[in-house]
C-alpha cells in the first residue's frame, strides 16, 4: 500500500511458527557453541534470508561458518529468498540497516515469524518500532539456561565467550550474569 509516495510496511500472509536469524546473532550463538543445543530444542522452524546465509557462510571458512553451513545442509536452518525488494530497500533506508538485517526483518514480516534473532542495534530499534518480537544472543543464552539446556557453569562459560565476541554493554553482561547465576 502506498500513501503520499511512501511504501507502507503492511503485509498480509499466512501465520507460521518461525524464527528468523540475522547474521550477527547466528554467528554469535555458533561461536559460543550454543547453536546445536538451541536448534535441537526449539519448537520454531529456523530460517535465514539469502543475504544472511552469504554473510555467515560465503566468505570465511571459520568454525562458526562451518557450524552454520552444517545446520543449513542438515535442514535445521532453512534459507528463504526475500522477494519484496522494495520492502528491503525501505527498511535499509528508514533504519540505516545493512542488507542482511533488512532482509531478516523483511522475511520476518512477510512470513509472520514468531521471533527475530538479531543483535544489531539499528535492527533492534526497527523491531521495536515495527512491533516485531526479537531476541538477542544473550537472551537466547539466558533462555537456554532457564530451560535447563545448560548447566550454570556451562552457561557462564558461554557468557565469557559472548563477552569476548559480542558487542554488549557492561550493564547488559552484568544483568545476564546475574540471571544465569540465579537460575536453577
N, C-alpha and C. Protein backbone atom coordinates (compact mmCIF):
# COMPACT_ATOMS: atom_id res chain seq x y z
N UNK A 1 0.86 -1.17 0.00
CA UNK A 1 0.00 0.00 0.00
C UNK A 1 0.90 1.23 0.00
N UNK A 2 0.58 2.20 -0.86
CA UNK A 2 1.37 3.43 -0.89
C UNK A 2 0.48 4.62 -0.56
N UNK A 3 1.02 5.49 0.28
CA UNK A 3 0.35 6.73 0.63
C UNK A 3 1.34 7.86 0.48
N UNK A 4 0.95 8.89 -0.25
CA UNK A 4 1.81 10.07 -0.43
C UNK A 4 3.22 9.66 -0.87
N UNK A 5 3.31 8.66 -1.76
CA UNK A 5 4.58 8.24 -2.30
C UNK A 5 5.43 7.38 -1.37
N UNK A 6 4.89 6.96 -0.22
CA UNK A 6 5.64 6.16 0.73
C UNK A 6 5.14 4.72 0.72
N UNK A 7 6.06 3.79 0.72
CA UNK A 7 5.72 2.38 0.80
C UNK A 7 5.37 2.05 2.25
N UNK A 8 4.28 1.39 2.48
CA UNK A 8 3.86 1.00 3.82
C UNK A 8 4.51 -0.32 4.21
N UNK A 9 4.54 -0.64 5.48
CA UNK A 9 5.09 -1.89 5.97
C UNK A 9 4.02 -2.96 6.16
N UNK A 10 2.82 -2.72 5.75
CA UNK A 10 1.75 -3.68 5.94
C UNK A 10 1.93 -4.86 4.99
N UNK A 11 1.77 -6.07 5.53
CA UNK A 11 1.84 -7.28 4.72
C UNK A 11 0.72 -8.20 5.15
N UNK A 12 0.27 -9.04 4.24
CA UNK A 12 -0.77 -10.00 4.53
C UNK A 12 -0.24 -11.37 4.13
N UNK A 13 -0.07 -12.26 5.13
CA UNK A 13 0.44 -13.59 4.86
C UNK A 13 -0.19 -14.58 5.82
N UNK A 14 0.08 -15.86 5.59
CA UNK A 14 -0.40 -16.92 6.46
C UNK A 14 0.58 -17.07 7.62
N UNK A 15 0.07 -17.30 8.82
CA UNK A 15 0.87 -17.42 10.03
C UNK A 15 1.61 -18.77 10.06
N UNK A 16 2.86 -18.76 10.48
CA UNK A 16 3.61 -19.99 10.67
C UNK A 16 4.50 -19.82 11.90
N UNK A 17 4.94 -20.91 12.47
CA UNK A 17 5.80 -20.88 13.65
C UNK A 17 7.25 -20.85 13.20
N UNK A 18 7.81 -19.65 13.13
CA UNK A 18 9.13 -19.49 12.55
C UNK A 18 9.99 -18.53 13.35
N UNK A 19 11.28 -18.82 13.35
CA UNK A 19 12.30 -17.98 13.94
C UNK A 19 13.24 -17.59 12.81
N UNK A 20 13.41 -16.29 12.61
CA UNK A 20 14.32 -15.79 11.59
C UNK A 20 15.59 -15.29 12.28
N UNK A 21 16.73 -15.68 11.76
CA UNK A 21 18.02 -15.24 12.29
C UNK A 21 18.62 -14.16 11.41
N UNK A 22 19.20 -13.15 12.06
CA UNK A 22 20.11 -12.22 11.40
C UNK A 22 21.51 -12.81 11.56
N UNK A 23 22.44 -12.38 10.74
CA UNK A 23 23.79 -12.93 10.77
C UNK A 23 24.46 -12.73 12.12
N UNK A 24 24.32 -11.56 12.72
CA UNK A 24 25.03 -11.27 13.97
C UNK A 24 24.69 -12.29 15.05
N UNK A 25 23.45 -12.57 15.24
CA UNK A 25 23.03 -13.50 16.29
C UNK A 25 23.39 -14.93 15.95
N UNK A 26 23.20 -15.31 14.70
CA UNK A 26 23.53 -16.68 14.29
C UNK A 26 25.03 -16.94 14.46
N UNK A 27 25.85 -15.99 14.07
CA UNK A 27 27.30 -16.14 14.23
C UNK A 27 27.68 -16.20 15.71
N UNK A 28 27.09 -15.33 16.51
CA UNK A 28 27.41 -15.33 17.94
C UNK A 28 27.04 -16.65 18.61
N UNK A 29 25.84 -17.17 18.36
CA UNK A 29 25.48 -18.41 19.05
C UNK A 29 26.27 -19.61 18.51
N UNK A 30 26.73 -19.51 17.26
CA UNK A 30 27.61 -20.56 16.74
C UNK A 30 28.99 -20.45 17.41
N UNK A 31 29.50 -19.24 17.54
CA UNK A 31 30.84 -19.03 18.15
C UNK A 31 30.89 -19.48 19.60
N UNK A 32 29.79 -19.32 20.32
CA UNK A 32 29.80 -19.73 21.72
C UNK A 32 29.31 -21.18 21.88
N UNK A 33 29.21 -21.87 20.75
CA UNK A 33 28.83 -23.28 20.70
C UNK A 33 27.47 -23.54 21.36
N UNK A 34 26.51 -22.70 21.00
CA UNK A 34 25.15 -22.83 21.50
C UNK A 34 24.17 -23.19 20.38
N UNK A 35 24.60 -23.09 19.14
CA UNK A 35 23.71 -23.29 18.01
C UNK A 35 23.05 -24.66 18.01
N UNK A 36 23.84 -25.71 18.13
CA UNK A 36 23.27 -27.06 18.07
C UNK A 36 22.31 -27.33 19.22
N UNK A 37 22.70 -26.91 20.43
CA UNK A 37 21.83 -27.09 21.60
C UNK A 37 20.51 -26.38 21.40
N UNK A 38 20.58 -25.14 20.94
CA UNK A 38 19.38 -24.34 20.75
C UNK A 38 18.48 -24.91 19.65
N UNK A 39 19.06 -25.21 18.50
CA UNK A 39 18.25 -25.73 17.39
C UNK A 39 17.61 -27.07 17.72
N UNK A 40 18.30 -27.90 18.51
CA UNK A 40 17.76 -29.22 18.87
C UNK A 40 16.52 -29.11 19.74
N UNK A 41 16.38 -28.02 20.48
CA UNK A 41 15.27 -27.91 21.43
C UNK A 41 14.20 -26.89 21.10
N UNK A 42 14.43 -26.03 20.09
CA UNK A 42 13.41 -25.04 19.77
C UNK A 42 12.28 -25.69 18.99
N UNK A 43 11.08 -25.24 19.24
CA UNK A 43 9.92 -25.73 18.50
C UNK A 43 9.67 -24.92 17.23
N UNK A 44 10.37 -23.81 17.10
CA UNK A 44 10.21 -22.94 15.94
C UNK A 44 11.08 -23.42 14.79
N UNK A 45 10.58 -23.25 13.56
CA UNK A 45 11.38 -23.56 12.38
C UNK A 45 12.35 -22.41 12.16
N UNK A 46 13.64 -22.72 12.13
CA UNK A 46 14.66 -21.69 11.96
C UNK A 46 14.90 -21.42 10.49
N UNK A 47 15.07 -20.13 10.16
CA UNK A 47 15.32 -19.74 8.77
C UNK A 47 16.18 -18.50 8.72
N UNK A 48 16.84 -18.33 7.58
CA UNK A 48 17.62 -17.12 7.31
C UNK A 48 17.32 -16.68 5.89
N UNK A 49 17.40 -15.38 5.63
CA UNK A 49 17.31 -14.93 4.23
C UNK A 49 18.62 -15.22 3.51
N UNK A 50 18.58 -15.17 2.20
CA UNK A 50 19.75 -15.47 1.37
C UNK A 50 20.96 -14.63 1.73
N UNK A 51 20.78 -13.34 1.96
CA UNK A 51 21.91 -12.46 2.28
C UNK A 51 22.56 -12.86 3.59
N UNK A 52 21.78 -13.28 4.57
CA UNK A 52 22.34 -13.71 5.85
C UNK A 52 23.16 -14.98 5.67
N UNK A 53 22.68 -15.91 4.86
CA UNK A 53 23.47 -17.11 4.57
C UNK A 53 24.82 -16.71 3.97
N UNK A 54 24.80 -15.77 3.03
CA UNK A 54 26.03 -15.32 2.39
C UNK A 54 26.96 -14.66 3.42
N UNK A 55 26.41 -13.82 4.29
CA UNK A 55 27.22 -13.15 5.31
C UNK A 55 27.84 -14.15 6.29
N UNK A 56 27.10 -15.21 6.60
CA UNK A 56 27.58 -16.20 7.58
C UNK A 56 28.54 -17.21 6.98
N UNK A 57 28.27 -17.65 5.76
CA UNK A 57 28.99 -18.80 5.20
C UNK A 57 29.75 -18.52 3.91
N UNK A 58 29.53 -17.37 3.29
CA UNK A 58 30.05 -17.15 1.95
C UNK A 58 31.46 -16.66 1.83
N UNK A 59 32.08 -16.25 2.92
CA UNK A 59 33.38 -15.62 2.79
C UNK A 59 34.48 -16.42 3.48
N UNK A 60 34.46 -16.48 4.79
CA UNK A 60 35.48 -17.18 5.56
C UNK A 60 35.00 -18.57 5.93
N UNK A 61 35.92 -19.48 6.05
CA UNK A 61 35.59 -20.84 6.47
C UNK A 61 36.05 -21.04 7.91
N UNK A 62 35.52 -20.21 8.80
CA UNK A 62 35.80 -20.30 10.22
C UNK A 62 34.94 -21.40 10.83
N UNK A 63 35.21 -21.74 12.07
CA UNK A 63 34.41 -22.78 12.73
C UNK A 63 32.95 -22.40 12.78
N UNK A 64 32.65 -21.13 13.12
CA UNK A 64 31.24 -20.74 13.19
C UNK A 64 30.58 -20.83 11.81
N UNK A 65 31.30 -20.46 10.76
CA UNK A 65 30.74 -20.55 9.41
C UNK A 65 30.45 -22.01 9.04
N UNK A 66 31.35 -22.91 9.41
CA UNK A 66 31.15 -24.33 9.13
C UNK A 66 29.98 -24.91 9.93
N UNK A 67 29.84 -24.49 11.19
CA UNK A 67 28.71 -24.95 12.00
C UNK A 67 27.37 -24.47 11.43
N UNK A 68 27.35 -23.23 10.98
CA UNK A 68 26.12 -22.68 10.38
C UNK A 68 25.83 -23.39 9.07
N UNK A 69 26.85 -23.59 8.23
CA UNK A 69 26.65 -24.28 6.96
C UNK A 69 26.13 -25.69 7.18
N UNK A 70 26.65 -26.38 8.20
CA UNK A 70 26.17 -27.73 8.51
C UNK A 70 24.70 -27.71 8.93
N UNK A 71 24.32 -26.72 9.72
CA UNK A 71 22.91 -26.61 10.13
C UNK A 71 22.02 -26.37 8.91
N UNK A 72 22.51 -25.60 7.94
CA UNK A 72 21.75 -25.37 6.71
C UNK A 72 21.71 -26.65 5.88
N UNK A 73 22.85 -27.30 5.71
CA UNK A 73 22.91 -28.54 4.93
C UNK A 73 22.04 -29.63 5.52
N UNK A 74 21.94 -29.66 6.86
CA UNK A 74 21.12 -30.67 7.55
C UNK A 74 19.65 -30.27 7.64
N UNK A 75 19.29 -29.16 7.02
CA UNK A 75 17.91 -28.63 7.01
C UNK A 75 17.41 -28.24 8.38
N UNK A 76 18.31 -27.94 9.31
CA UNK A 76 17.89 -27.43 10.61
C UNK A 76 17.68 -25.93 10.56
N UNK A 77 18.31 -25.28 9.56
CA UNK A 77 18.09 -23.86 9.25
C UNK A 77 17.80 -23.80 7.76
N UNK A 78 16.66 -23.22 7.44
CA UNK A 78 16.24 -23.11 6.04
C UNK A 78 16.64 -21.76 5.48
N UNK A 79 17.03 -21.71 4.22
CA UNK A 79 17.36 -20.46 3.54
C UNK A 79 16.17 -20.09 2.66
N UNK A 80 15.67 -18.86 2.85
CA UNK A 80 14.50 -18.39 2.12
C UNK A 80 14.84 -17.07 1.43
N UNK A 81 14.55 -17.00 0.16
CA UNK A 81 14.78 -15.76 -0.60
C UNK A 81 13.69 -14.75 -0.25
N UNK A 82 14.10 -13.50 -0.13
CA UNK A 82 13.15 -12.41 0.12
C UNK A 82 12.79 -11.81 -1.23
N UNK A 83 11.52 -11.85 -1.56
CA UNK A 83 11.08 -11.39 -2.87
C UNK A 83 10.71 -9.91 -2.91
N UNK A 84 10.34 -9.35 -1.78
CA UNK A 84 9.89 -7.95 -1.75
C UNK A 84 11.09 -7.01 -1.61
N UNK A 85 11.74 -6.73 -2.74
CA UNK A 85 12.94 -5.89 -2.74
C UNK A 85 12.63 -4.45 -2.34
N UNK A 86 11.42 -3.96 -2.62
CA UNK A 86 11.05 -2.60 -2.21
C UNK A 86 11.02 -2.49 -0.69
N UNK A 87 10.48 -3.51 -0.05
CA UNK A 87 10.43 -3.52 1.41
C UNK A 87 11.85 -3.55 1.99
N UNK A 88 12.72 -4.37 1.42
CA UNK A 88 14.11 -4.45 1.90
C UNK A 88 14.78 -3.08 1.76
N UNK A 89 14.62 -2.45 0.61
CA UNK A 89 15.23 -1.14 0.37
C UNK A 89 14.68 -0.09 1.34
N UNK A 90 13.38 -0.14 1.60
CA UNK A 90 12.76 0.82 2.52
C UNK A 90 13.29 0.63 3.94
N UNK A 91 13.41 -0.62 4.35
CA UNK A 91 13.96 -0.90 5.69
C UNK A 91 15.40 -0.43 5.80
N UNK A 92 16.19 -0.68 4.75
CA UNK A 92 17.59 -0.23 4.75
C UNK A 92 17.66 1.29 4.91
N UNK A 93 16.85 2.00 4.13
CA UNK A 93 16.87 3.47 4.16
C UNK A 93 16.31 4.03 5.46
N UNK A 94 15.16 3.53 5.89
CA UNK A 94 14.48 4.08 7.06
C UNK A 94 15.23 3.85 8.37
N UNK A 95 15.93 2.72 8.46
CA UNK A 95 16.55 2.36 9.73
C UNK A 95 18.08 2.25 9.66
N UNK A 96 18.67 2.66 8.56
CA UNK A 96 20.14 2.57 8.37
C UNK A 96 20.64 1.16 8.62
N UNK A 97 20.02 0.21 7.94
CA UNK A 97 20.36 -1.20 8.11
C UNK A 97 21.22 -1.69 6.95
N UNK A 98 22.01 -2.71 7.21
CA UNK A 98 22.69 -3.43 6.16
C UNK A 98 21.69 -4.32 5.46
N UNK A 99 22.10 -4.88 4.33
CA UNK A 99 21.18 -5.70 3.56
C UNK A 99 20.73 -6.95 4.33
N UNK A 100 21.64 -7.58 5.07
CA UNK A 100 21.28 -8.77 5.83
C UNK A 100 20.23 -8.49 6.89
N UNK A 101 20.43 -7.42 7.65
CA UNK A 101 19.45 -7.05 8.68
C UNK A 101 18.10 -6.71 8.04
N UNK A 102 18.14 -5.95 6.95
CA UNK A 102 16.90 -5.56 6.28
C UNK A 102 16.17 -6.79 5.73
N UNK A 103 16.91 -7.72 5.15
CA UNK A 103 16.28 -8.94 4.64
C UNK A 103 15.70 -9.78 5.78
N UNK A 104 16.42 -9.87 6.90
CA UNK A 104 15.91 -10.65 8.03
C UNK A 104 14.60 -10.06 8.55
N UNK A 105 14.55 -8.75 8.68
CA UNK A 105 13.33 -8.09 9.16
C UNK A 105 12.21 -8.24 8.13
N UNK A 106 12.52 -8.05 6.85
CA UNK A 106 11.51 -8.20 5.80
C UNK A 106 10.98 -9.63 5.77
N UNK A 107 11.86 -10.61 5.90
CA UNK A 107 11.42 -12.01 5.92
C UNK A 107 10.55 -12.28 7.14
N UNK A 108 10.96 -11.74 8.27
CA UNK A 108 10.15 -11.89 9.48
C UNK A 108 8.76 -11.30 9.31
N UNK A 109 8.69 -10.16 8.62
CA UNK A 109 7.39 -9.51 8.40
C UNK A 109 6.54 -10.30 7.41
N UNK A 110 7.12 -10.71 6.30
CA UNK A 110 6.33 -11.38 5.26
C UNK A 110 5.94 -12.80 5.64
N UNK A 111 6.76 -13.45 6.46
CA UNK A 111 6.44 -14.81 6.90
C UNK A 111 5.73 -14.82 8.25
N UNK A 112 5.50 -13.63 8.81
CA UNK A 112 4.86 -13.51 10.12
C UNK A 112 5.55 -14.39 11.16
N UNK A 113 6.86 -14.25 11.21
CA UNK A 113 7.67 -15.05 12.13
C UNK A 113 7.30 -14.73 13.57
N UNK A 114 7.44 -15.73 14.40
CA UNK A 114 7.17 -15.57 15.83
C UNK A 114 8.26 -14.74 16.50
N UNK A 115 9.49 -14.85 15.99
CA UNK A 115 10.63 -14.23 16.65
C UNK A 115 11.72 -13.94 15.63
N UNK A 116 12.39 -12.82 15.83
CA UNK A 116 13.54 -12.46 15.01
C UNK A 116 14.75 -12.40 15.93
N UNK A 117 15.77 -13.20 15.64
CA UNK A 117 17.01 -13.20 16.43
C UNK A 117 17.95 -12.20 15.80
N UNK A 118 18.21 -11.11 16.52
CA UNK A 118 19.01 -10.00 15.97
C UNK A 118 19.78 -9.31 17.08
N UNK A 119 21.03 -8.98 16.82
CA UNK A 119 21.86 -8.27 17.79
C UNK A 119 22.28 -6.89 17.31
N UNK A 120 21.95 -6.54 16.10
CA UNK A 120 22.28 -5.23 15.54
C UNK A 120 21.42 -4.15 16.19
N UNK A 121 22.05 -3.08 16.70
CA UNK A 121 21.32 -2.03 17.42
C UNK A 121 20.24 -1.38 16.57
N UNK A 122 20.57 -1.02 15.33
CA UNK A 122 19.56 -0.41 14.46
C UNK A 122 18.46 -1.41 14.12
N UNK A 123 18.82 -2.66 13.97
CA UNK A 123 17.83 -3.70 13.71
C UNK A 123 16.89 -3.90 14.89
N UNK A 124 17.44 -3.86 16.09
CA UNK A 124 16.61 -3.99 17.30
C UNK A 124 15.65 -2.80 17.39
N UNK A 125 16.17 -1.60 17.11
CA UNK A 125 15.30 -0.42 17.13
C UNK A 125 14.19 -0.53 16.09
N UNK A 126 14.51 -1.05 14.91
CA UNK A 126 13.50 -1.25 13.87
C UNK A 126 12.43 -2.23 14.36
N UNK A 127 12.86 -3.33 15.00
CA UNK A 127 11.90 -4.31 15.53
C UNK A 127 10.97 -3.66 16.55
N UNK A 128 11.54 -2.85 17.43
CA UNK A 128 10.72 -2.17 18.44
C UNK A 128 9.68 -1.27 17.79
N UNK A 129 10.11 -0.49 16.80
CA UNK A 129 9.18 0.43 16.14
C UNK A 129 8.14 -0.29 15.30
N UNK A 130 8.49 -1.44 14.74
CA UNK A 130 7.57 -2.18 13.88
C UNK A 130 6.76 -3.23 14.65
N UNK A 131 7.00 -3.36 15.94
CA UNK A 131 6.25 -4.31 16.75
C UNK A 131 6.62 -5.76 16.49
N UNK A 132 7.88 -6.01 16.17
CA UNK A 132 8.35 -7.37 15.89
C UNK A 132 9.04 -7.91 17.14
N UNK A 133 8.64 -9.10 17.58
CA UNK A 133 9.28 -9.74 18.73
C UNK A 133 10.69 -10.15 18.33
N UNK A 134 11.66 -9.87 19.20
CA UNK A 134 13.04 -10.19 18.88
C UNK A 134 13.75 -10.76 20.10
N UNK A 135 14.88 -11.40 19.81
CA UNK A 135 15.76 -11.92 20.86
C UNK A 135 17.19 -11.69 20.43
N UNK A 136 18.07 -11.53 21.40
CA UNK A 136 19.50 -11.38 21.14
C UNK A 136 20.20 -12.70 21.49
N UNK A 137 21.46 -12.80 21.14
CA UNK A 137 22.24 -13.99 21.52
C UNK A 137 22.28 -14.13 23.04
N UNK A 138 22.42 -13.01 23.74
CA UNK A 138 22.44 -13.05 25.21
C UNK A 138 21.10 -13.56 25.74
N UNK A 139 20.01 -13.12 25.15
CA UNK A 139 18.68 -13.59 25.56
C UNK A 139 18.50 -15.07 25.29
N UNK A 140 19.02 -15.55 24.17
CA UNK A 140 18.94 -16.98 23.85
C UNK A 140 19.74 -17.79 24.86
N UNK A 141 20.90 -17.28 25.26
CA UNK A 141 21.71 -17.95 26.27
C UNK A 141 20.95 -18.05 27.60
N UNK A 142 20.35 -16.96 28.02
CA UNK A 142 19.57 -16.96 29.27
C UNK A 142 18.42 -17.96 29.17
N UNK A 143 17.73 -17.95 28.05
CA UNK A 143 16.58 -18.86 27.87
C UNK A 143 17.02 -20.32 27.90
N UNK A 144 18.16 -20.62 27.29
CA UNK A 144 18.67 -21.99 27.32
C UNK A 144 18.99 -22.42 28.74
N UNK A 145 19.50 -21.51 29.54
CA UNK A 145 19.78 -21.82 30.96
C UNK A 145 18.47 -22.01 31.72
N UNK A 146 17.50 -21.14 31.48
CA UNK A 146 16.19 -21.25 32.16
C UNK A 146 15.51 -22.58 31.84
N UNK A 147 15.71 -23.07 30.64
CA UNK A 147 15.10 -24.34 30.21
C UNK A 147 15.97 -25.55 30.57
N UNK A 148 17.02 -25.31 31.37
CA UNK A 148 17.94 -26.36 31.83
C UNK A 148 18.64 -27.09 30.68
N UNK A 149 18.86 -26.39 29.58
CA UNK A 149 19.61 -26.97 28.47
C UNK A 149 21.11 -26.88 28.72
N UNK A 150 21.47 -26.01 29.66
CA UNK A 150 22.87 -25.81 30.04
C UNK A 150 22.97 -25.78 31.56
N UNK A 151 24.07 -26.30 32.07
CA UNK A 151 24.32 -26.16 33.50
C UNK A 151 24.72 -24.72 33.77
N UNK A 152 24.74 -24.35 35.04
CA UNK A 152 25.15 -23.00 35.42
C UNK A 152 26.56 -22.71 34.92
N UNK A 153 27.47 -23.67 35.13
CA UNK A 153 28.86 -23.48 34.72
C UNK A 153 29.00 -23.39 33.19
N UNK A 154 28.26 -24.23 32.47
CA UNK A 154 28.29 -24.15 31.00
C UNK A 154 27.79 -22.79 30.52
N UNK A 155 26.71 -22.33 31.11
CA UNK A 155 26.13 -21.05 30.70
C UNK A 155 27.09 -19.90 30.99
N UNK A 156 27.73 -19.93 32.16
CA UNK A 156 28.69 -18.87 32.50
C UNK A 156 29.91 -18.91 31.59
N UNK A 157 30.33 -20.10 31.22
CA UNK A 157 31.44 -20.24 30.28
C UNK A 157 31.07 -19.64 28.91
N UNK A 158 29.86 -19.91 28.46
CA UNK A 158 29.39 -19.36 27.18
C UNK A 158 29.23 -17.84 27.27
N UNK A 159 28.85 -17.35 28.44
CA UNK A 159 28.77 -15.90 28.63
C UNK A 159 30.16 -15.28 28.49
N UNK A 160 31.18 -15.95 29.00
CA UNK A 160 32.54 -15.46 28.84
C UNK A 160 32.92 -15.34 27.37
N UNK A 161 32.51 -16.31 26.57
CA UNK A 161 32.76 -16.25 25.12
C UNK A 161 31.94 -15.15 24.47
N UNK A 162 30.71 -15.01 24.91
CA UNK A 162 29.84 -13.95 24.37
C UNK A 162 30.43 -12.58 24.68
N UNK A 163 30.98 -12.45 25.86
CA UNK A 163 31.64 -11.21 26.26
C UNK A 163 32.83 -10.91 25.34
N UNK A 164 33.54 -11.95 24.95
CA UNK A 164 34.71 -11.82 24.08
C UNK A 164 34.30 -11.47 22.64
N UNK A 165 33.28 -12.14 22.11
CA UNK A 165 32.91 -12.00 20.70
C UNK A 165 31.82 -10.96 20.44
N UNK A 166 30.96 -10.72 21.42
CA UNK A 166 29.83 -9.80 21.23
C UNK A 166 30.21 -8.36 21.51
N UNK A 167 29.28 -7.50 21.24
CA UNK A 167 29.48 -6.06 21.49
C UNK A 167 28.40 -5.57 22.46
N UNK A 168 28.41 -6.15 23.63
CA UNK A 168 27.40 -5.81 24.62
C UNK A 168 27.95 -4.80 25.62
N UNK A 169 27.07 -3.94 26.10
CA UNK A 169 27.43 -3.02 27.17
C UNK A 169 27.68 -3.82 28.44
N UNK A 170 28.53 -3.30 29.29
CA UNK A 170 28.85 -3.95 30.56
C UNK A 170 27.58 -4.20 31.37
N UNK A 171 26.65 -3.24 31.38
CA UNK A 171 25.42 -3.40 32.17
C UNK A 171 24.59 -4.59 31.69
N UNK A 172 24.58 -4.82 30.40
CA UNK A 172 23.83 -5.97 29.85
C UNK A 172 24.52 -7.27 30.27
N UNK A 173 25.83 -7.33 30.14
CA UNK A 173 26.58 -8.52 30.53
C UNK A 173 26.41 -8.82 32.02
N UNK A 174 26.42 -7.78 32.84
CA UNK A 174 26.23 -7.96 34.28
C UNK A 174 24.84 -8.50 34.59
N UNK A 175 23.83 -7.99 33.87
CA UNK A 175 22.46 -8.47 34.05
C UNK A 175 22.34 -9.94 33.63
N UNK A 176 22.93 -10.29 32.50
CA UNK A 176 22.89 -11.67 32.02
C UNK A 176 23.60 -12.58 33.03
N UNK A 177 24.75 -12.16 33.52
CA UNK A 177 25.49 -12.96 34.51
C UNK A 177 24.62 -13.20 35.75
N UNK A 178 23.97 -12.16 36.24
CA UNK A 178 23.11 -12.30 37.42
C UNK A 178 21.97 -13.29 37.15
N UNK A 179 21.39 -13.20 35.98
CA UNK A 179 20.28 -14.10 35.62
C UNK A 179 20.75 -15.55 35.48
N UNK A 180 21.94 -15.75 34.94
CA UNK A 180 22.49 -17.10 34.80
C UNK A 180 22.84 -17.67 36.15
N UNK A 181 23.39 -16.87 37.03
CA UNK A 181 23.77 -17.34 38.37
C UNK A 181 22.56 -17.62 39.23
N UNK A 182 21.48 -16.89 39.00
CA UNK A 182 20.26 -17.08 39.79
C UNK A 182 19.43 -18.27 39.30
N UNK A 183 19.73 -18.77 38.12
CA UNK A 183 18.97 -19.87 37.53
C UNK A 183 19.06 -21.14 38.33
N UNK A 184 18.33 -22.13 37.86
CA UNK A 184 18.22 -23.42 38.56
C UNK A 184 19.55 -24.05 38.88
